[in-house]
Protein backbone atom coordinates (compact mmCIF):
# COMPACT_ATOMS: atom_id res chain seq x y z
CA MET A 1 -23.67 -11.09 -93.01
CA ARG A 2 -24.71 -7.62 -94.17
CA PHE A 3 -23.55 -5.93 -97.34
CA ARG A 4 -23.96 -2.30 -98.25
CA ALA A 5 -26.40 -1.37 -100.93
CA GLY A 6 -24.67 -1.31 -104.26
CA THR A 7 -22.09 -3.96 -103.36
CA PHE A 8 -23.09 -6.22 -106.22
CA THR A 9 -23.08 -3.55 -108.92
CA PRO A 10 -22.94 -4.59 -112.61
CA PRO A 11 -19.12 -4.22 -112.80
CA VAL A 12 -18.66 -6.43 -109.72
CA ILE A 13 -21.06 -9.06 -111.06
CA LEU A 14 -19.30 -8.94 -114.44
CA ILE A 15 -15.90 -9.50 -112.78
CA ILE A 16 -17.19 -12.46 -110.74
CA VAL A 17 -18.93 -14.12 -113.69
CA GLY A 18 -16.00 -13.38 -115.97
CA THR A 19 -13.55 -14.97 -113.56
CA PHE A 20 -15.60 -18.16 -113.35
CA VAL A 21 -15.93 -18.27 -117.14
CA VAL A 22 -12.17 -17.88 -117.52
CA ILE A 23 -11.47 -20.67 -115.00
CA VAL A 24 -13.86 -23.08 -116.73
CA GLY A 25 -12.54 -22.02 -120.14
CA VAL A 26 -8.95 -22.69 -119.14
CA PHE A 27 -9.82 -26.18 -117.95
CA LEU A 28 -11.79 -26.95 -121.12
CA ALA A 29 -8.96 -25.62 -123.30
CA ALA A 30 -6.41 -27.68 -121.36
CA SER A 31 -8.57 -30.78 -121.76
CA LEU A 32 -8.92 -30.25 -125.54
CA PHE A 33 -5.17 -29.66 -125.82
CA ASP A 34 -4.47 -32.91 -123.95
CA HIS A 35 -6.73 -34.83 -126.31
CA ALA A 36 -5.15 -33.20 -129.35
CA LEU A 37 -1.75 -34.47 -128.19
CA GLY A 38 -3.14 -37.90 -127.54
CA TRP A 39 -2.95 -37.62 -123.77
CA HIS A 40 -5.73 -39.08 -121.68
CA PRO A 41 -5.54 -37.59 -118.18
CA ASP A 42 -7.74 -38.87 -115.39
CA LEU A 43 -11.05 -36.97 -115.75
CA SER A 44 -11.93 -37.45 -112.09
CA VAL A 45 -8.73 -35.64 -111.08
CA ASN A 46 -9.51 -32.77 -113.45
CA ALA A 47 -13.06 -32.54 -112.11
CA PHE A 48 -11.76 -32.45 -108.54
CA LEU A 49 -9.23 -29.72 -109.35
CA LEU A 50 -11.88 -27.67 -111.17
CA GLY A 51 -14.28 -27.92 -108.23
CA ALA A 52 -11.56 -27.02 -105.73
CA LEU A 53 -10.50 -23.99 -107.75
CA LEU A 54 -14.08 -22.77 -108.17
CA ALA A 55 -14.80 -23.20 -104.45
CA THR A 56 -11.59 -21.40 -103.49
CA SER A 57 -12.39 -18.55 -105.86
CA LEU A 58 -15.87 -18.22 -104.36
CA TRP A 59 -14.49 -17.95 -100.81
CA VAL A 60 -11.89 -15.43 -101.95
CA PHE A 61 -14.63 -13.27 -103.49
CA VAL A 62 -16.74 -13.51 -100.31
CA GLY A 63 -13.73 -12.53 -98.19
CA VAL A 64 -12.81 -9.57 -100.38
CA ILE A 65 -16.40 -8.31 -100.46
CA ALA A 66 -16.66 -8.66 -96.67
CA LEU A 67 -13.50 -6.59 -96.18
CA VAL A 68 -14.47 -3.94 -98.73
CA THR A 69 -18.00 -3.48 -97.40
CA GLY A 70 -17.03 -3.54 -93.72
CA ALA A 71 -19.10 -6.67 -93.04
CA THR A 72 -16.24 -8.20 -91.08
CA SER A 73 -15.98 -5.19 -88.77
CA TRP A 74 -19.75 -5.22 -88.32
CA PHE A 75 -19.72 -8.91 -87.34
CA VAL A 76 -16.90 -8.50 -84.80
CA GLY A 77 -18.53 -5.39 -83.34
CA SER A 78 -21.84 -7.20 -83.04
CA GLN A 79 -20.13 -10.06 -81.21
CA ALA A 80 -18.48 -7.62 -78.81
CA GLU A 81 -21.89 -6.11 -78.03
CA GLN A 82 -23.13 -9.56 -77.08
CA TRP A 83 -20.18 -9.97 -74.69
CA THR A 84 -20.99 -6.63 -73.07
CA ALA A 85 -24.66 -7.59 -72.82
CA LYS A 86 -23.75 -10.77 -70.94
CA ALA A 87 -21.50 -8.81 -68.57
CA LEU A 88 -24.20 -6.21 -67.84
CA ASN A 89 -26.78 -8.91 -67.24
CA THR A 90 -24.67 -10.09 -64.29
CA LEU A 91 -24.73 -6.73 -62.48
CA GLY A 92 -27.35 -8.10 -60.13
CA PRO A 93 -31.07 -8.82 -59.81
CA ASP A 94 -31.88 -5.18 -59.09
CA TRP A 95 -30.56 -4.06 -62.49
CA ARG A 96 -32.51 -3.85 -65.71
CA VAL A 97 -30.65 -3.68 -69.02
CA LEU A 98 -31.91 -2.39 -72.37
CA HIS A 99 -30.00 -3.15 -75.56
CA ASN A 100 -29.77 -1.23 -78.85
CA VAL A 101 -31.77 1.76 -77.68
CA THR A 102 -32.50 4.19 -80.52
CA PHE A 103 -32.68 7.96 -80.18
CA LEU A 104 -33.76 10.57 -82.71
CA GLU A 105 -31.27 13.38 -83.28
CA GLY A 106 -32.17 16.57 -85.09
CA HIS A 107 -35.50 17.65 -86.55
CA GLY A 108 -37.43 17.36 -89.77
CA PRO A 109 -36.03 15.74 -92.91
CA ASN A 110 -32.46 16.10 -91.64
CA ALA A 111 -33.09 14.04 -88.48
CA TRP A 112 -31.18 10.82 -88.00
CA VAL A 113 -31.32 7.85 -85.64
CA VAL A 114 -28.58 7.23 -83.06
CA ASP A 115 -28.17 3.74 -81.64
CA ILE A 116 -27.00 3.39 -78.03
CA ASP A 117 -25.55 -0.07 -77.46
CA HIS A 118 -26.80 -0.60 -73.90
CA ILE A 119 -28.53 1.26 -71.08
CA ALA A 120 -28.40 -0.36 -67.64
CA VAL A 121 -30.63 1.02 -64.89
CA GLY A 122 -29.95 0.03 -61.31
CA PRO A 123 -29.66 1.21 -57.70
CA SER A 124 -26.60 3.39 -58.37
CA GLY A 125 -27.95 5.13 -61.47
CA VAL A 126 -28.14 4.79 -65.25
CA LEU A 127 -25.18 3.40 -67.20
CA VAL A 128 -25.09 4.54 -70.83
CA VAL A 129 -22.74 2.00 -72.38
CA GLU A 130 -20.80 2.11 -75.63
CA THR A 131 -19.08 -1.11 -76.76
CA LYS A 132 -15.84 -1.01 -78.75
CA TYR A 133 -13.54 -3.67 -80.17
CA THR A 134 -10.01 -3.42 -81.51
CA SER A 135 -7.56 -6.01 -82.82
CA ASN A 136 -4.68 -3.58 -82.17
CA ALA A 137 -2.75 -3.05 -78.94
CA LEU A 138 -4.48 -0.55 -76.66
CA ASP A 139 -3.40 0.49 -73.18
CA LEU A 140 -6.45 1.84 -71.37
CA ASP A 141 -4.14 3.37 -68.76
CA ALA A 142 -2.03 5.26 -71.32
CA ARG A 143 -1.12 8.69 -70.00
CA ARG A 144 -1.85 10.23 -73.37
CA VAL A 145 -5.34 9.19 -74.46
CA PRO A 146 -5.17 7.56 -77.93
CA LYS A 147 -7.26 9.19 -80.63
CA HIS A 148 -9.71 6.29 -81.09
CA LEU A 149 -10.14 6.00 -77.32
CA GLY A 150 -10.89 9.72 -77.14
CA GLN A 151 -13.45 9.37 -79.93
CA ALA A 152 -15.20 6.54 -78.08
CA VAL A 153 -15.23 8.62 -74.89
CA ASP A 154 -16.80 11.56 -76.76
CA GLN A 155 -19.42 9.27 -78.28
CA ALA A 156 -20.37 7.81 -74.89
CA ASP A 157 -20.55 11.30 -73.40
CA ARG A 158 -22.87 12.50 -76.18
CA ASN A 159 -25.10 9.45 -75.75
CA ALA A 160 -25.28 10.07 -72.01
CA GLY A 161 -26.37 13.63 -72.81
CA ARG A 162 -29.22 12.28 -74.95
CA VAL A 163 -30.40 10.01 -72.15
CA ARG A 164 -30.03 12.82 -69.61
CA ALA A 165 -32.15 15.16 -71.75
CA LEU A 166 -34.88 12.54 -72.04
CA LEU A 167 -35.00 11.75 -68.31
CA SER A 168 -34.26 15.16 -66.80
CA ARG A 169 -37.86 16.36 -66.66
CA ASP A 170 -39.27 13.32 -64.80
CA PHE A 171 -36.10 12.16 -63.05
CA PRO A 172 -33.85 15.19 -62.52
CA ASP A 173 -31.83 13.62 -59.70
CA VAL A 174 -30.99 10.32 -61.41
CA LEU A 175 -27.24 9.87 -61.94
CA ILE A 176 -26.29 9.27 -65.60
CA LEU A 177 -22.93 7.49 -66.06
CA PRO A 178 -21.39 7.17 -69.55
CA VAL A 179 -19.28 4.02 -69.95
CA VAL A 180 -17.00 2.66 -72.70
CA VAL A 181 -16.35 -1.09 -72.65
CA TRP A 182 -13.33 -2.10 -74.74
CA TRP A 183 -12.77 -5.65 -76.04
CA GLY A 184 -9.74 -7.08 -77.79
CA TRP A 185 -7.02 -9.64 -77.18
CA GLN A 186 -4.35 -6.91 -77.03
CA ILE A 187 -6.20 -4.70 -74.54
CA THR A 188 -4.24 -3.69 -71.42
CA PRO A 189 -6.79 -3.03 -68.66
CA PRO A 190 -6.39 -0.05 -66.34
CA LYS A 191 -4.78 -0.64 -62.95
CA ALA A 192 -7.95 0.50 -61.24
CA PRO A 193 -11.16 -1.35 -62.12
CA VAL A 194 -12.42 1.77 -63.87
CA ARG A 195 -10.48 4.58 -65.52
CA ARG A 196 -12.09 8.00 -65.62
CA VAL A 197 -11.59 10.13 -68.71
CA GLY A 198 -13.47 13.28 -67.85
CA SER A 199 -16.95 12.14 -66.85
CA VAL A 200 -16.68 8.86 -68.78
CA SER A 201 -15.76 5.49 -67.26
CA VAL A 202 -13.47 3.32 -69.41
CA VAL A 203 -13.15 -0.41 -68.69
CA ALA A 204 -11.68 -3.52 -70.31
CA GLY A 205 -14.44 -5.95 -71.22
CA ALA A 206 -12.44 -9.00 -70.20
CA ASP A 207 -11.83 -7.44 -66.76
CA VAL A 208 -15.52 -7.77 -65.96
CA GLU A 209 -15.04 -9.28 -62.50
CA ARG A 210 -13.47 -6.03 -61.26
CA TRP A 211 -15.46 -3.34 -63.02
CA ARG A 212 -18.80 -5.04 -62.50
CA SER A 213 -18.44 -4.68 -58.73
CA ALA A 214 -17.51 -1.01 -59.16
CA PHE A 215 -20.88 -0.29 -60.82
CA SER A 216 -23.13 -2.69 -58.94
CA THR A 217 -22.78 -1.01 -55.56
CA THR A 218 -25.90 -0.25 -53.59
CA GLY A 219 -27.35 3.12 -54.47
CA VAL A 220 -30.31 5.33 -53.88
CA LEU A 221 -32.69 4.29 -56.66
CA SER A 222 -35.59 2.19 -55.46
CA GLU A 223 -37.03 -0.73 -57.37
CA ALA A 224 -40.05 1.40 -58.30
CA MET A 225 -37.81 4.22 -59.57
CA ILE A 226 -35.77 1.78 -61.67
CA ALA A 227 -38.97 0.44 -63.23
CA ASN A 228 -40.24 3.96 -63.95
CA VAL A 229 -36.98 5.00 -65.64
CA CYS A 230 -37.00 1.89 -67.82
CA ARG A 231 -40.63 2.48 -68.72
CA LYS A 232 -39.79 6.02 -69.83
CA LEU A 233 -36.99 4.75 -72.05
CA GLU A 234 -39.10 1.97 -73.53
CA ARG A 235 -41.96 4.34 -74.32
CA TYR A 236 -39.60 6.68 -76.13
CA VAL A 237 -38.15 3.85 -78.23
CA THR A 238 -41.62 2.48 -79.02
CA ALA A 239 -42.86 5.91 -80.07
CA LEU A 240 -39.83 6.38 -82.32
CA ARG A 241 -40.30 3.00 -83.98
CA THR A 242 -44.01 3.64 -84.46
CA ARG A 243 -43.23 6.95 -86.14
CA ASP A 244 -40.76 5.24 -88.49
CA ALA A 245 -43.28 2.52 -89.27
CA LEU A 246 -45.90 5.10 -90.20
CA ARG A 247 -43.48 6.73 -92.66
CA VAL A 248 -43.08 3.52 -94.66
């Protein structure tokens, strides 16, 4: 589980410690009060209740911190990426899939790193894949494109542009296909295996049996070309990581 820097700031630590002190103090005060009145409660029961309350408080704090910092969303999103990875790995033996491919955007001190979830290279071209998850209802065939679906489509399109710019010099004729894979238990898949929103393909992750066949058709890229494209991508990522390592 990841937490943002600054999550456990002094005020947060003070609140956590203070809460535990108050809980223990209340139990000690109650115990002293019982003895003052001549009562002799079962100490094992008190110890059990104190432990249960402390454990419950700890889990409540962990849950609140996870929600506040976005750790829960990160975990679910990471799981969805693994589902997409498994689906892409079944495209066929002629396909090669790269995961978490980093690109450098901008120049100089203002440059930043963009992470592309997956890039699949196969006979029919290069799939630049963005994975999304939602716990809300989402109809991928909705006539009016929902805002968050439109944002995902724009993101996939921009990522495809980055890959296209990298490959255009050595592989100008390679087809670059941006794809958004949506996961979620309330997702309504499109009637067709793939919905086109502009140049972007939108699919339901759970509908993998249909959309996988739509992408894994025989194409024009040879095995040697597929290997060369992947090598180009891997060299770029390695060079970027080496540059970052040298800055440290």
